[in-house]
Amino acid sequence: MQIYGGPVSRLIDELSRLPGIGGKSAQRLAFYIIHMPTEKAESLAEAIISAKKNVRYCSVCCNLTDADPCRVCDNTKRDNTIIMLVEDPRDMAAYERTGEFRGLYHVLHGAISPMHGVGPNDLTFAALLKRLQGSDVNEVIIATNPNVEGEATALYAAKILKPLEIKVTRIAHGVPVGGDLEYVDDITLSRALEGRREI
């Protein structure tokens, strides 16, 4: 039985298909959208359609972009001798927010996860290897997540990059700023110790 009628029920149904949005959240969002001024709702709809039509993968780094190559790859002030390998465009955005990394990126769009049916061929490793052929890259920084899938991905990346005689490094993992040592898990503490540096 449709309590709200066709259009509202359809909107709730469509919103509930989004990841992390359950029935109650979808209902709350639907009512928020319905109560928005018409021009704001139309602007939201146009933004969704525009993103879907115009966003694609960068032919160089595989990041999401509306221009090819993307703005990072097209920036001549970036250091083209270093590539940071990340799982997701959001990881790349996180590093860009720091303003510390001035090299280039390569986005894998996932991590190796046999449990979820994701193998190396499902990621952009082939594009990475093609990109490295004849390039000036002398270091690849592996910045995958510090979990089982991220570690498996990092090990695989290191294995396929080793024959290219390119320096392969892994980001350090350790205690978060503001964290209390007594609440940090054993693996994180071990990694923090291994990744220590002189001050």
C-alpha atoms as a PDB file:
ATOM      1  CA  MET A   1       0.000   0.000   0.000  1.00  0.00           C
ATOM      2  CA  GLN A   2       1.333   3.407  -0.972  1.00  0.00           C
ATOM      3  CA  ILE A   3       0.778   5.772   1.950  1.00  0.00           C
ATOM      4  CA  TYR A   4       2.092   8.894   0.215  1.00  0.00           C
ATOM      5  CA  GLY A   5       1.067   8.335  -3.384  1.00  0.00           C
ATOM      6  CA  GLY A   6       3.111   7.445  -6.453  1.00  0.00           C
ATOM      7  CA  PRO A   7       5.595  10.345  -6.830  1.00  0.00           C
ATOM      8  CA  VAL A   8       6.540  10.510  -3.126  1.00  0.00           C
ATOM      9  CA  SER A   9       6.816   6.735  -2.809  1.00  0.00           C
ATOM     10  CA  ARG A  10       8.975   6.615  -5.948  1.00  0.00           C
ATOM     11  CA  LEU A  11      11.258   9.355  -4.587  1.00  0.00           C
ATOM     12  CA  ILE A  12      11.634   7.492  -1.268  1.00  0.00           C
ATOM     13  CA  ASP A  13      12.321   4.243  -3.135  1.00  0.00           C
ATOM     14  CA  GLU A  14      14.974   5.852  -5.359  1.00  0.00           C
ATOM     15  CA  LEU A  15      16.695   7.588  -2.424  1.00  0.00           C
ATOM     16  CA  SER A  16      16.758   4.343  -0.418  1.00  0.00           C
ATOM     17  CA  ARG A  17      18.856   2.762  -3.203  1.00  0.00           C
ATOM     18  CA  LEU A  18      21.756   5.084  -2.341  1.00  0.00           C
ATOM     19  CA  PRO A  19      24.506   3.514  -0.208  1.00  0.00           C
ATOM     20  CA  GLY A  20      24.085   4.173   3.509  1.00  0.00           C
ATOM     21  CA  ILE A  21      20.525   5.448   3.109  1.00  0.00           C
ATOM     22  CA  GLY A  22      17.890   3.309   4.786  1.00  0.00           C
ATOM     23  CA  GLY A  23      14.121   3.653   4.594  1.00  0.00           C
ATOM     24  CA  LYS A  24      13.778   6.277   7.329  1.00  0.00           C
ATOM     25  CA  SER A  25      16.657   8.393   5.992  1.00  0.00           C
ATOM     26  CA  ALA A  26      15.193   8.157   2.478  1.00  0.00           C
ATOM     27  CA  GLN A  27      11.811   9.292   3.789  1.00  0.00           C
ATOM     28  CA  ARG A  28      13.395  12.210   5.654  1.00  0.00           C
ATOM     29  CA  LEU A  29      15.357  13.272   2.536  1.00  0.00           C
ATOM     30  CA  ALA A  30      12.282  12.926   0.331  1.00  0.00           C
ATOM     31  CA  PHE A  31      10.235  15.216   2.562  1.00  0.00           C
ATOM     32  CA  TYR A  32      13.120  17.692   2.709  1.00  0.00           C
ATOM     33  CA  ILE A  33      13.297  17.764  -1.107  1.00  0.00           C
ATOM     34  CA  ILE A  34       9.505  18.127  -1.435  1.00  0.00           C
ATOM     35  CA  HIS A  35       9.539  21.122   0.914  1.00  0.00           C
ATOM     36  CA  MET A  36      12.465  22.801  -0.899  1.00  0.00           C
ATOM     37  CA  PRO A  37      11.677  25.788  -3.109  1.00  0.00           C
ATOM     38  CA  THR A  38      11.099  24.539  -6.672  1.00  0.00           C
ATOM     39  CA  GLU A  39      14.204  26.284  -8.044  1.00  0.00           C
ATOM     40  CA  LYS A  40      16.408  24.589  -5.410  1.00  0.00           C
ATOM     41  CA  ALA A  41      14.938  21.159  -6.191  1.00  0.00           C
ATOM     42  CA  GLU A  42      15.452  21.771  -9.916  1.00  0.00           C
ATOM     43  CA  SER A  43      19.045  22.870  -9.247  1.00  0.00           C
ATOM     44  CA  LEU A  44      19.681  19.636  -7.310  1.00  0.00           C
ATOM     45  CA  ALA A  45      18.193  17.541 -10.123  1.00  0.00           C
ATOM     46  CA  GLU A  46      20.251  19.410 -12.743  1.00  0.00           C
ATOM     47  CA  ALA A  47      23.450  18.921 -10.699  1.00  0.00           C
ATOM     48  CA  ILE A  48      22.829  15.155 -10.528  1.00  0.00           C
ATOM     49  CA  ILE A  49      22.121  14.917 -14.276  1.00  0.00           C
ATOM     50  CA  SER A  50      25.108  17.118 -15.173  1.00  0.00           C
ATOM     51  CA  ALA A  51      27.477  15.063 -13.003  1.00  0.00           C
ATOM     52  CA  LYS A  52      26.194  11.828 -14.502  1.00  0.00           C
ATOM     53  CA  LYS A  53      26.550  13.120 -18.093  1.00  0.00           C
ATOM     54  CA  ASN A  54      29.836  15.026 -17.810  1.00  0.00           C
ATOM     55  CA  VAL A  55      32.001  13.209 -15.266  1.00  0.00           C
ATOM     56  CA  ARG A  56      34.355  10.543 -16.605  1.00  0.00           C
ATOM     57  CA  TYR A  57      37.712   8.990 -15.769  1.00  0.00           C
ATOM     58  CA  CYS A  58      40.901  10.910 -16.472  1.00  0.00           C
ATOM     59  CA  SER A  59      42.786   9.050 -19.218  1.00  0.00           C
ATOM     60  CA  VAL A  60      46.034   9.526 -17.261  1.00  0.00           C
ATOM     61  CA  CYS A  61      45.332   8.955 -13.539  1.00  0.00           C
ATOM     62  CA  CYS A  62      41.797   7.461 -13.642  1.00  0.00           C
ATOM     63  CA  ASN A  63      40.423  10.132 -11.280  1.00  0.00           C
ATOM     64  CA  LEU A  64      36.884  11.426 -11.759  1.00  0.00           C
ATOM     65  CA  THR A  65      36.942  14.574 -13.879  1.00  0.00           C
ATOM     66  CA  ASP A  66      34.978  16.755 -16.253  1.00  0.00           C
ATOM     67  CA  ALA A  67      38.121  17.608 -18.259  1.00  0.00           C
ATOM     68  CA  ASP A  68      40.632  15.189 -19.761  1.00  0.00           C
ATOM     69  CA  PRO A  69      43.326  15.154 -18.556  1.00  0.00           C
ATOM     70  CA  CYS A  70      42.170  16.196 -15.094  1.00  0.00           C
ATOM     71  CA  ARG A  71      43.367  19.425 -13.482  1.00  0.00           C
ATOM     72  CA  VAL A  72      46.021  17.646 -11.391  1.00  0.00           C
ATOM     73  CA  CYS A  73      47.543  15.772 -14.340  1.00  0.00           C
ATOM     74  CA  ASP A  74      47.380  18.918 -16.484  1.00  0.00           C
ATOM     75  CA  ASN A  75      49.198  21.038 -13.881  1.00  0.00           C
ATOM     76  CA  THR A  76      52.784  21.544 -15.108  1.00  0.00           C
ATOM     77  CA  LYS A  77      53.879  22.671 -11.620  1.00  0.00           C
ATOM     78  CA  ARG A  78      53.332  19.170 -10.204  1.00  0.00           C
ATOM     79  CA  ASP A  79      56.290  16.811  -9.711  1.00  0.00           C
ATOM     80  CA  ASN A  80      55.891  14.213 -12.473  1.00  0.00           C
ATOM     81  CA  THR A  81      58.564  11.932 -10.997  1.00  0.00           C
ATOM     82  CA  ILE A  82      56.365  10.779  -8.078  1.00  0.00           C
ATOM     83  CA  ILE A  83      52.992   9.030  -8.238  1.00  0.00           C
ATOM     84  CA  MET A  84      50.824   8.317  -5.206  1.00  0.00           C
ATOM     85  CA  LEU A  85      48.682   5.204  -5.652  1.00  0.00           C
ATOM     86  CA  VAL A  86      45.286   5.570  -3.921  1.00  0.00           C
ATOM     87  CA  GLU A  87      42.186   3.391  -3.746  1.00  0.00           C
ATOM     88  CA  ASP A  88      39.530   6.023  -4.295  1.00  0.00           C
ATOM     89  CA  PRO A  89      39.072   9.592  -5.601  1.00  0.00           C
ATOM     90  CA  ARG A  90      38.121  10.587  -2.029  1.00  0.00           C
ATOM     91  CA  ASP A  91      41.575   9.463  -0.843  1.00  0.00           C
ATOM     92  CA  MET A  92      43.163  11.690  -3.473  1.00  0.00           C
ATOM     93  CA  ALA A  93      40.977  14.598  -2.331  1.00  0.00           C
ATOM     94  CA  ALA A  94      42.070  14.012   1.270  1.00  0.00           C
ATOM     95  CA  TYR A  95      45.759  14.312   0.326  1.00  0.00           C
ATOM     96  CA  GLU A  96      45.066  17.360  -1.817  1.00  0.00           C
ATOM     97  CA  ARG A  97      43.423  19.078   1.166  1.00  0.00           C
ATOM     98  CA  THR A  98      46.685  18.781   3.117  1.00  0.00           C
ATOM     99  CA  GLY A  99      48.548  20.775   0.456  1.00  0.00           C
ATOM    100  CA  GLU A 100      51.662  18.697   1.263  1.00  0.00           C
ATOM    101  CA  PHE A 101      51.878  16.368  -1.740  1.00  0.00           C
ATOM    102  CA  ARG A 102      52.958  17.984  -5.017  1.00  0.00           C
ATOM    103  CA  GLY A 103      53.332  14.867  -7.144  1.00  0.00           C
ATOM    104  CA  LEU A 104      50.781  13.053  -9.305  1.00  0.00           C
ATOM    105  CA  TYR A 105      48.226  10.365  -8.447  1.00  0.00           C
ATOM    106  CA  HIS A 106      46.843   7.125  -9.767  1.00  0.00           C
ATOM    107  CA  VAL A 107      43.373   6.008  -8.633  1.00  0.00           C
ATOM    108  CA  LEU A 108      42.706   2.260  -8.450  1.00  0.00           C
ATOM    109  CA  HIS A 109      38.937   2.530  -7.834  1.00  0.00           C
ATOM    110  CA  GLY A 110      38.937  -0.098  -5.129  1.00  0.00           C
ATOM    111  CA  ALA A 111      41.106  -2.634  -3.378  1.00  0.00           C
ATOM    112  CA  ILE A 112      41.775  -6.325  -3.899  1.00  0.00           C
ATOM    113  CA  SER A 113      39.077  -8.234  -2.021  1.00  0.00           C
ATOM    114  CA  PRO A 114      38.506 -11.891  -2.944  1.00  0.00           C
ATOM    115  CA  MET A 115      35.551 -11.995  -0.514  1.00  0.00           C
ATOM    116  CA  HIS A 116      33.794  -9.330  -2.603  1.00  0.00           C
ATOM    117  CA  GLY A 117      34.961 -10.737  -5.934  1.00  0.00           C
ATOM    118  CA  VAL A 118      37.439  -7.911  -6.614  1.00  0.00           C
ATOM    119  CA  GLY A 119      40.724  -9.003  -8.137  1.00  0.00           C
ATOM    120  CA  PRO A 120      43.670  -7.063  -9.616  1.00  0.00           C
ATOM    121  CA  ASN A 121      42.062  -7.089 -13.076  1.00  0.00           C
ATOM    122  CA  ASP A 122      39.055  -5.206 -11.689  1.00  0.00           C
ATOM    123  CA  LEU A 123      41.292  -2.296 -10.689  1.00  0.00           C
ATOM    124  CA  THR A 124      43.365   0.113 -12.813  1.00  0.00           C
ATOM    125  CA  PHE A 125      46.726  -1.641 -12.457  1.00  0.00           C
ATOM    126  CA  ALA A 126      47.001  -2.172 -16.240  1.00  0.00           C
ATOM    127  CA  ALA A 127      46.577   1.569 -16.817  1.00  0.00           C
ATOM    128  CA  LEU A 128      49.237   2.261 -14.167  1.00  0.00           C
ATOM    129  CA  LEU A 129      51.775  -0.070 -15.789  1.00  0.00           C
ATOM    130  CA  LYS A 130      51.074   1.453 -19.210  1.00  0.00           C
ATOM    131  CA  ARG A 131      51.476   4.935 -17.742  1.00  0.00           C
ATOM    132  CA  LEU A 132      54.848   4.077 -16.186  1.00  0.00           C
ATOM    133  CA  GLN A 133      56.371   2.807 -19.448  1.00  0.00           C
ATOM    134  CA  GLY A 134      58.811   5.413 -20.709  1.00  0.00           C
ATOM    135  CA  SER A 135      57.847   7.910 -18.010  1.00  0.00           C
ATOM    136  CA  ASP A 136      60.063   9.996 -15.710  1.00  0.00           C
ATOM    137  CA  VAL A 137      58.521   8.405 -12.598  1.00  0.00           C
ATOM    138  CA  ASN A 138      61.159   7.250 -10.103  1.00  0.00           C
ATOM    139  CA  GLU A 139      58.926   6.644  -7.046  1.00  0.00           C
ATOM    140  CA  VAL A 140      55.461   5.221  -6.446  1.00  0.00           C
ATOM    141  CA  ILE A 141      53.995   5.882  -3.000  1.00  0.00           C
ATOM    142  CA  ILE A 142      51.408   3.271  -2.066  1.00  0.00           C
ATOM    143  CA  ALA A 143      48.680   4.993  -0.033  1.00  0.00           C
ATOM    144  CA  THR A 144      46.076   2.256   0.328  1.00  0.00           C
ATOM    145  CA  ASN A 145      44.010   1.883   3.475  1.00  0.00           C
ATOM    146  CA  PRO A 146      45.514   0.129   6.514  1.00  0.00           C
ATOM    147  CA  ASN A 147      43.123  -2.827   6.416  1.00  0.00           C
ATOM    148  CA  VAL A 148      43.287  -6.368   5.013  1.00  0.00           C
ATOM    149  CA  GLU A 149      42.189  -5.309   1.515  1.00  0.00           C
ATOM    150  CA  GLY A 150      44.509  -2.296   1.480  1.00  0.00           C
ATOM    151  CA  GLU A 151      47.464  -4.402   2.588  1.00  0.00           C
ATOM    152  CA  ALA A 152      46.739  -7.041  -0.072  1.00  0.00           C
ATOM    153  CA  THR A 153      46.534  -4.295  -2.686  1.00  0.00           C
ATOM    154  CA  ALA A 154      49.796  -2.743  -1.476  1.00  0.00           C
ATOM    155  CA  LEU A 155      51.609  -6.096  -1.636  1.00  0.00           C
ATOM    156  CA  TYR A 156      50.312  -6.769  -5.142  1.00  0.00           C
ATOM    157  CA  ALA A 157      51.301  -3.274  -6.304  1.00  0.00           C
ATOM    158  CA  ALA A 158      54.800  -3.689  -4.876  1.00  0.00           C
ATOM    159  CA  LYS A 159      55.131  -7.072  -6.609  1.00  0.00           C
ATOM    160  CA  ILE A 160      54.189  -5.776 -10.077  1.00  0.00           C
ATOM    161  CA  LEU A 161      56.232  -2.572  -9.727  1.00  0.00           C
ATOM    162  CA  LYS A 162      59.459  -4.233  -8.533  1.00  0.00           C
ATOM    163  CA  PRO A 163      60.584  -5.382 -12.021  1.00  0.00           C
ATOM    164  CA  LEU A 164      60.331  -1.767 -13.262  1.00  0.00           C
ATOM    165  CA  GLU A 165      63.168  -0.723 -10.936  1.00  0.00           C
ATOM    166  CA  ILE A 166      61.113   2.136  -9.530  1.00  0.00           C
ATOM    167  CA  LYS A 167      61.371   3.021  -5.847  1.00  0.00           C
ATOM    168  CA  VAL A 168      58.199   1.777  -4.123  1.00  0.00           C
ATOM    169  CA  THR A 169      57.297   3.224  -0.713  1.00  0.00           C
ATOM    170  CA  ARG A 170      54.325   2.784   1.632  1.00  0.00           C
ATOM    171  CA  ILE A 171      52.770   5.547   3.697  1.00  0.00           C
ATOM    172  CA  ALA A 172      53.349   5.208   7.443  1.00  0.00           C
ATOM    173  CA  HIS A 173      50.479   4.189   9.686  1.00  0.00           C
ATOM    174  CA  GLY A 174      50.336   5.059  13.331  1.00  0.00           C
ATOM    175  CA  VAL A 175      48.672   6.839  16.194  1.00  0.00           C
ATOM    176  CA  PRO A 176      46.213   9.570  15.165  1.00  0.00           C
ATOM    177  CA  VAL A 177      46.831  13.112  16.366  1.00  0.00           C
ATOM    178  CA  GLY A 178      44.806  13.679  19.516  1.00  0.00           C
ATOM    179  CA  GLY A 179      44.490   9.950  20.205  1.00  0.00           C
ATOM    180  CA  ASP A 180      45.168   8.345  23.578  1.00  0.00           C
ATOM    181  CA  LEU A 181      47.664   5.477  23.446  1.00  0.00           C
ATOM    182  CA  GLU A 182      45.637   3.362  25.857  1.00  0.00           C
ATOM    183  CA  TYR A 183      42.757   3.214  23.356  1.00  0.00           C
ATOM    184  CA  VAL A 184      44.831   2.497  20.232  1.00  0.00           C
ATOM    185  CA  ASP A 185      44.793  -1.089  18.937  1.00  0.00           C
ATOM    186  CA  ASP A 186      47.935  -3.262  18.977  1.00  0.00           C
ATOM    187  CA  ILE A 187      48.467  -3.287  15.201  1.00  0.00           C
ATOM    188  CA  THR A 188      48.340   0.515  14.999  1.00  0.00           C
ATOM    189  CA  LEU A 189      50.793   0.810  17.894  1.00  0.00           C
ATOM    190  CA  SER A 190      53.161  -1.650  16.179  1.00  0.00           C
ATOM    191  CA  ARG A 191      52.965   0.277  12.914  1.00  0.00           C
ATOM    192  CA  ALA A 192      53.589   3.551  14.731  1.00  0.00           C
ATOM    193  CA  LEU A 193      56.728   2.052  16.264  1.00  0.00           C
ATOM    194  CA  GLU A 194      57.937   0.686  12.916  1.00  0.00           C
ATOM    195  CA  GLY A 195      57.313   4.021  11.182  1.00  0.00           C
ATOM    196  CA  ARG A 196      59.192   6.098  13.757  1.00  0.00           C
ATOM    197  CA  ARG A 197      61.643   8.752  12.583  1.00  0.00           C
ATOM    198  CA  GLU A 198      64.329  10.858  14.142  1.00  0.00           C
ATOM    199  CA  ILE A 199      63.355  14.287  15.481  1.00  0.00           C
END
